[in-house]
C-alpha atoms as a PDB file:
ATOM      1  CA  MET A   1     149.795-206.112-202.697  1.00  0.00           C
ATOM      2  CA  THR A   2     152.943-205.883-204.309  1.00  0.00           C
ATOM      3  CA  ALA A   3     152.159-207.512-207.879  1.00  0.00           C
ATOM      4  CA  ARG A   4     154.293-210.341-208.979  1.00  0.00           C
ATOM      5  CA  ARG A   5     156.134-209.494-212.126  1.00  0.00           C
ATOM      6  CA  ILE A   6     156.348-212.118-214.348  1.00  0.00           C
ATOM      7  CA  VAL A   7     157.910-210.262-217.583  1.00  0.00           C
ATOM      8  CA  THR A   8     159.287-212.724-221.271  1.00  0.00           C
ATOM      9  CA  ALA A   9     162.114-211.980-223.622  1.00  0.00           C
ATOM     10  CA  LEU A  10     162.945-213.260-226.803  1.00  0.00           C
ATOM     11  CA  ASP A  11     167.315-214.993-227.180  1.00  0.00           C
ATOM     12  CA  GLN A  12     169.017-215.036-229.296  1.00  0.00           C
ATOM     13  CA  ASP A  13     168.402-217.834-230.822  1.00  0.00           C
ATOM     14  CA  GLY A  14     164.543-216.623-231.071  1.00  0.00           C
ATOM     15  CA  LYS A  15     163.314-218.823-228.342  1.00  0.00           C
ATOM     16  CA  SER A  16     160.714-217.242-225.317  1.00  0.00           C
ATOM     17  CA  TYR A  17     162.063-216.934-222.129  1.00  0.00           C
ATOM     18  CA  PHE A  18     161.584-215.137-218.290  1.00  0.00           C
ATOM     19  CA  LEU A  19     163.537-212.407-217.872  1.00  0.00           C
ATOM     20  CA  HIS A  20     162.502-211.123-214.626  1.00  0.00           C
ATOM     21  CA  ASP A  21     160.182-213.390-212.390  1.00  0.00           C
ATOM     22  CA  GLY A  22     159.193-210.912-208.598  1.00  0.00           C
ATOM     23  CA  PRO A  23     158.652-208.281-208.036  1.00  0.00           C
ATOM     24  CA  THR A  24     159.072-204.577-209.842  1.00  0.00           C
ATOM     25  CA  PRO A  25     162.614-202.838-209.388  1.00  0.00           C
ATOM     26  CA  GLY A  26     160.042-199.712-209.402  1.00  0.00           C
ATOM     27  CA  VAL A  27     158.300-198.621-206.991  1.00  0.00           C
ATOM     28  CA  LEU A  28     157.921-195.349-205.072  1.00  0.00           C
ATOM     29  CA  ASP A  29     156.365-194.703-202.031  1.00  0.00           C
ATOM     30  CA  LEU A  30     154.536-191.765-201.523  1.00  0.00           C
ATOM     31  CA  GLY A  31     153.355-191.711-198.365  1.00  0.00           C
ATOM     32  CA  ARG A  32     149.781-191.418-199.034  1.00  0.00           C
ATOM     33  CA  ALA A  33     149.976-193.868-201.935  1.00  0.00           C
ATOM     34  CA  ILE A  34     152.302-196.284-203.259  1.00  0.00           C
ATOM     35  CA  ASP A  35     152.949-197.369-207.305  1.00  0.00           C
ATOM     36  CA  GLU A  36     154.596-200.297-208.401  1.00  0.00           C
ATOM     37  CA  GLU A  37     155.725-199.294-212.136  1.00  0.00           C
ATOM     38  CA  ILE A  38     154.998-202.683-213.481  1.00  0.00           C
ATOM     39  CA  TRP A  39     156.111-201.961-217.468  1.00  0.00           C
ATOM     40  CA  ILE A  40     156.211-198.585-219.396  1.00  0.00           C
ATOM     41  CA  ASP A  41     156.494-199.511-223.519  1.00  0.00           C
ATOM     42  CA  ASP A  42     157.851-196.562-225.442  1.00  0.00           C
ATOM     43  CA  PRO A  43     157.785-196.211-229.433  1.00  0.00           C
ATOM     44  CA  ALA A  44     161.177-194.371-229.646  1.00  0.00           C
ATOM     45  CA  GLU A  45     163.089-196.976-227.270  1.00  0.00           C
ATOM     46  CA  SER A  46     164.268-200.645-228.934  1.00  0.00           C
ATOM     47  CA  THR A  47     162.680-203.757-227.134  1.00  0.00           C
ATOM     48  CA  THR A  48     165.693-205.964-228.580  1.00  0.00           C
ATOM     49  CA  ASN A  49     168.662-204.720-225.617  1.00  0.00           C
ATOM     50  CA  ASN A  50     166.193-206.634-223.116  1.00  0.00           C
ATOM     51  CA  THR A  51     166.849-203.081-220.739  1.00  0.00           C
ATOM     52  CA  ASP A  52     164.337-202.501-217.545  1.00  0.00           C
ATOM     53  CA  PRO A  53     162.467-200.078-218.894  1.00  0.00           C
ATOM     54  CA  VAL A  54     161.205-199.142-215.212  1.00  0.00           C
ATOM     55  CA  LYS A  55     164.472-198.853-213.326  1.00  0.00           C
ATOM     56  CA  GLY A  56     164.548-194.627-214.678  1.00  0.00           C
ATOM     57  CA  GLU A  57     165.143-192.696-211.947  1.00  0.00           C
ATOM     58  CA  LYS A  58     161.731-190.684-213.280  1.00  0.00           C
ATOM     59  CA  PHE A  59     158.362-191.961-212.821  1.00  0.00           C
ATOM     60  CA  ASN A  60     156.388-190.617-215.331  1.00  0.00           C
ATOM     61  CA  LEU A  61     152.310-189.446-214.869  1.00  0.00           C
ATOM     62  CA  GLU A  62     151.609-190.371-218.651  1.00  0.00           C
ATOM     63  CA  PRO A  63     153.698-192.904-220.646  1.00  0.00           C
ATOM     64  CA  PRO A  64     155.528-192.173-224.198  1.00  0.00           C
ATOM     65  CA  ALA A  65     154.104-191.009-226.976  1.00  0.00           C
ATOM     66  CA  GLY A  66     152.007-193.515-228.874  1.00  0.00           C
ATOM     67  CA  GLY A  67     153.617-195.648-225.706  1.00  0.00           C
ATOM     68  CA  SER A  68     152.234-197.362-222.767  1.00  0.00           C
ATOM     69  CA  ARG A  69     151.870-197.891-219.096  1.00  0.00           C
ATOM     70  CA  VAL A  70     150.981-199.853-216.895  1.00  0.00           C
ATOM     71  CA  ARG A  71     150.893-199.404-212.479  1.00  0.00           C
ATOM     72  CA  VAL A  72     149.674-200.960-209.497  1.00  0.00           C
ATOM     73  CA  PHE A  73     148.079-197.911-207.404  1.00  0.00           C
ATOM     74  CA  THR A  74     147.461-198.181-204.122  1.00  0.00           C
ATOM     75  CA  PHE A  75     145.785-195.952-201.930  1.00  0.00           C
ATOM     76  CA  MET A  76     145.930-195.010-199.236  1.00  0.00           C
ATOM     77  CA  PRO A  77     143.388-194.041-196.591  1.00  0.00           C
ATOM     78  CA  GLU A  78     142.800-190.083-197.140  1.00  0.00           C
ATOM     79  CA  GLY A  79     141.486-189.805-193.161  1.00  0.00           C
ATOM     80  CA  ASP A  80     145.008-191.508-192.306  1.00  0.00           C
ATOM     81  CA  ASN A  81     146.965-188.900-194.081  1.00  0.00           C
ATOM     82  CA  PRO A  82     150.689-188.998-192.506  1.00  0.00           C
ATOM     83  CA  SER A  83     153.535-186.082-192.689  1.00  0.00           C
ATOM     84  CA  LEU A  84     154.733-186.516-194.980  1.00  0.00           C
ATOM     85  CA  ASN A  85     158.388-186.514-194.074  1.00  0.00           C
ATOM     86  CA  GLU A  86     161.324-186.374-196.071  1.00  0.00           C
ATOM     87  CA  GLN A  87     161.416-189.589-197.952  1.00  0.00           C
ATOM     88  CA  HIS A  88     157.761-189.108-198.994  1.00  0.00           C
ATOM     89  CA  ALA A  89     158.777-185.928-200.868  1.00  0.00           C
ATOM     90  CA  ALA A  90     161.261-187.223-202.520  1.00  0.00           C
ATOM     91  CA  ALA A  91     159.185-189.477-203.761  1.00  0.00           C
ATOM     92  CA  ALA A  92     157.330-186.854-204.774  1.00  0.00           C
ATOM     93  CA  ALA A  93     159.765-185.278-206.401  1.00  0.00           C
ATOM     94  CA  ARG A  94     160.514-188.453-208.851  1.00  0.00           C
ATOM     95  CA  PHE A  95     156.839-188.648-210.147  1.00  0.00           C
ATOM     96  CA  ASN A  96     156.690-186.223-213.055  1.00  0.00           C
ATOM     97  CA  THR A  97     153.167-185.123-213.242  1.00  0.00           C
ATOM     98  CA  GLY A  98     154.101-182.593-215.538  1.00  0.00           C
ATOM     99  CA  ASP A  99     151.250-180.016-216.623  1.00  0.00           C
ATOM    100  CA  ALA A 100     148.600-182.549-216.015  1.00  0.00           C
ATOM    101  CA  MET A 101     146.870-182.099-212.056  1.00  0.00           C
ATOM    102  CA  ASP A 102     144.716-178.799-211.506  1.00  0.00           C
ATOM    103  CA  PRO A 103     146.705-176.230-208.969  1.00  0.00           C
ATOM    104  CA  ASP A 104     142.974-175.340-207.441  1.00  0.00           C
ATOM    105  CA  ASN A 105     141.606-178.713-206.677  1.00  0.00           C
ATOM    106  CA  PRO A 106     144.183-181.141-204.917  1.00  0.00           C
ATOM    107  CA  GLY A 107     144.383-184.652-206.431  1.00  0.00           C
ATOM    108  CA  MET A 108     142.506-183.170-210.125  1.00  0.00           C
ATOM    109  CA  HIS A 109     143.568-184.439-213.298  1.00  0.00           C
ATOM    110  CA  THR A 110     143.179-184.910-216.601  1.00  0.00           C
ATOM    111  CA  THR A 111     145.308-187.424-219.205  1.00  0.00           C
ATOM    112  CA  ALA A 112     146.527-186.755-222.554  1.00  0.00           C
ATOM    113  CA  THR A 113     145.389-190.727-222.599  1.00  0.00           C
ATOM    114  CA  ILE A 114     142.840-193.566-223.344  1.00  0.00           C
ATOM    115  CA  ASP A 115     143.409-195.609-218.979  1.00  0.00           C
ATOM    116  CA  TYR A 116     141.306-198.522-217.813  1.00  0.00           C
ATOM    117  CA  GLY A 117     140.744-198.809-214.188  1.00  0.00           C
ATOM    118  CA  ILE A 118     140.566-202.139-212.706  1.00  0.00           C
ATOM    119  CA  VAL A 119     139.820-202.630-208.752  1.00  0.00           C
ATOM    120  CA  LEU A 120     142.367-205.210-207.321  1.00  0.00           C
ATOM    121  CA  SER A 121     141.166-204.621-204.019  1.00  0.00           C
ATOM    122  CA  GLY A 122     139.003-202.274-201.378  1.00  0.00           C
ATOM    123  CA  GLU A 123     137.117-199.559-202.198  1.00  0.00           C
ATOM    124  CA  ILE A 124     137.191-195.562-204.509  1.00  0.00           C
ATOM    125  CA  THR A 125     135.237-192.994-205.321  1.00  0.00           C
ATOM    126  CA  LEU A 126     136.215-191.499-209.031  1.00  0.00           C
ATOM    127  CA  GLU A 127     135.553-187.678-209.062  1.00  0.00           C
ATOM    128  CA  LEU A 128     134.805-185.498-211.891  1.00  0.00           C
ATOM    129  CA  ASP A 129     133.347-182.509-212.233  1.00  0.00           C
ATOM    130  CA  THR A 130     130.029-182.840-212.009  1.00  0.00           C
ATOM    131  CA  GLY A 131     129.488-185.732-210.068  1.00  0.00           C
ATOM    132  CA  SER A 132     131.253-188.899-208.031  1.00  0.00           C
ATOM    133  CA  VAL A 133     130.833-193.013-207.726  1.00  0.00           C
ATOM    134  CA  ASP A 134     131.949-195.236-205.806  1.00  0.00           C
ATOM    135  CA  LEU A 135     133.881-198.306-207.076  1.00  0.00           C
ATOM    136  CA  LYS A 136     134.172-201.977-205.094  1.00  0.00           C
ATOM    137  CA  VAL A 137     136.429-204.585-207.020  1.00  0.00           C
ATOM    138  CA  GLY A 138     136.015-206.217-209.648  1.00  0.00           C
ATOM    139  CA  ASP A 139     134.798-202.781-210.827  1.00  0.00           C
ATOM    140  CA  ILE A 140     137.021-201.790-214.162  1.00  0.00           C
ATOM    141  CA  VAL A 141     137.032-197.753-215.454  1.00  0.00           C
ATOM    142  CA  VAL A 142     137.589-195.480-218.340  1.00  0.00           C
ATOM    143  CA  GLN A 143     139.349-193.178-218.262  1.00  0.00           C
ATOM    144  CA  ARG A 144     139.141-190.913-221.811  1.00  0.00           C
ATOM    145  CA  ALA A 145     141.187-187.728-221.065  1.00  0.00           C
ATOM    146  CA  THR A 146     138.838-186.460-218.694  1.00  0.00           C
ATOM    147  CA  ALA A 147     139.851-184.338-215.253  1.00  0.00           C
ATOM    148  CA  HIS A 148     139.287-186.986-212.408  1.00  0.00           C
ATOM    149  CA  ALA A 149     140.730-187.786-209.287  1.00  0.00           C
ATOM    150  CA  TRP A 150     140.998-191.196-207.191  1.00  0.00           C
ATOM    151  CA  ARG A 151     139.872-190.281-203.080  1.00  0.00           C
ATOM    152  CA  ASN A 152     139.997-193.323-200.588  1.00  0.00           C
ATOM    153  CA  ASN A 153     137.559-192.359-198.136  1.00  0.00           C
ATOM    154  CA  SER A 154     137.323-196.191-196.119  1.00  0.00           C
ATOM    155  CA  ALA A 155     139.018-196.894-193.927  1.00  0.00           C
ATOM    156  CA  GLN A 156     141.058-199.256-195.623  1.00  0.00           C
ATOM    157  CA  PRO A 157     143.522-199.084-198.625  1.00  0.00           C
ATOM    158  CA  CYS A 158     142.236-199.610-202.105  1.00  0.00           C
ATOM    159  CA  THR A 159     145.001-201.433-204.769  1.00  0.00           C
ATOM    160  CA  MET A 160     144.219-200.556-208.728  1.00  0.00           C
ATOM    161  CA  LEU A 161     145.101-201.694-211.870  1.00  0.00           C
ATOM    162  CA  PHE A 162     146.083-199.260-214.253  1.00  0.00           C
ATOM    163  CA  VAL A 163     146.591-199.465-218.148  1.00  0.00           C
ATOM    164  CA  LEU A 164     147.513-195.650-219.449  1.00  0.00           C
ATOM    165  CA  ILE A 165     147.608-196.073-223.038  1.00  0.00           C
ATOM    166  CA  SER A 166     149.117-193.343-225.545  1.00  0.00           C
ATOM    167  CA  SER A 167     146.472-191.918-227.723  1.00  0.00           C
ATOM    168  CA  PRO A 168     145.660-189.092-230.338  1.00  0.00           C
ATOM    169  CA  ASN A 169     141.697-190.224-229.709  1.00  0.00           C
ATOM    170  CA  TYR A 170     141.708-188.440-225.981  1.00  0.00           C
ATOM    171  CA  PRO A 171     144.200-185.749-225.880  1.00  0.00           C
ATOM    172  CA  ARG A 172     143.901-182.690-223.353  1.00  0.00           C
ATOM    173  CA  GLY A 173     140.603-181.704-222.504  1.00  0.00           C
ATOM    174  CA  ASP A 174     138.642-182.780-225.240  1.00  0.00           C
END
């Protein structure tokens, strides 16, 4: 699924206009998943210069401190695990997970954020430390800074929309 991204802005007269209408320039094919960065709100950056925040060279798992991040993530079926080629390895090197990943459990991670995840297509399993739940189209997850992993055990890709918000209410590990 390729998302159509529409971004609005204000011109020098304070009139609203469409700054961008089309695919996002922030797409990263990781082989087992495709990340489409939609928008990043960073309170430390000016919003008046109309610079596209997803055109950067580095993709971060978490949003900036006090900010937010919106992404569309497509998980490929676990059974389709392609061998990671040089392109996928280079893409993975650009995806900064920081210290969120659990080295003893691939895919398990914890972010210091509150996340809203909406299943747009397909099916996926959300795994926690103490169990798992199967999700389908229309299901919404409120993920509150807890260890979790996404497992696509189905035969089809699963696409989800994620809104990640940095909040002091959700420190990692609480």
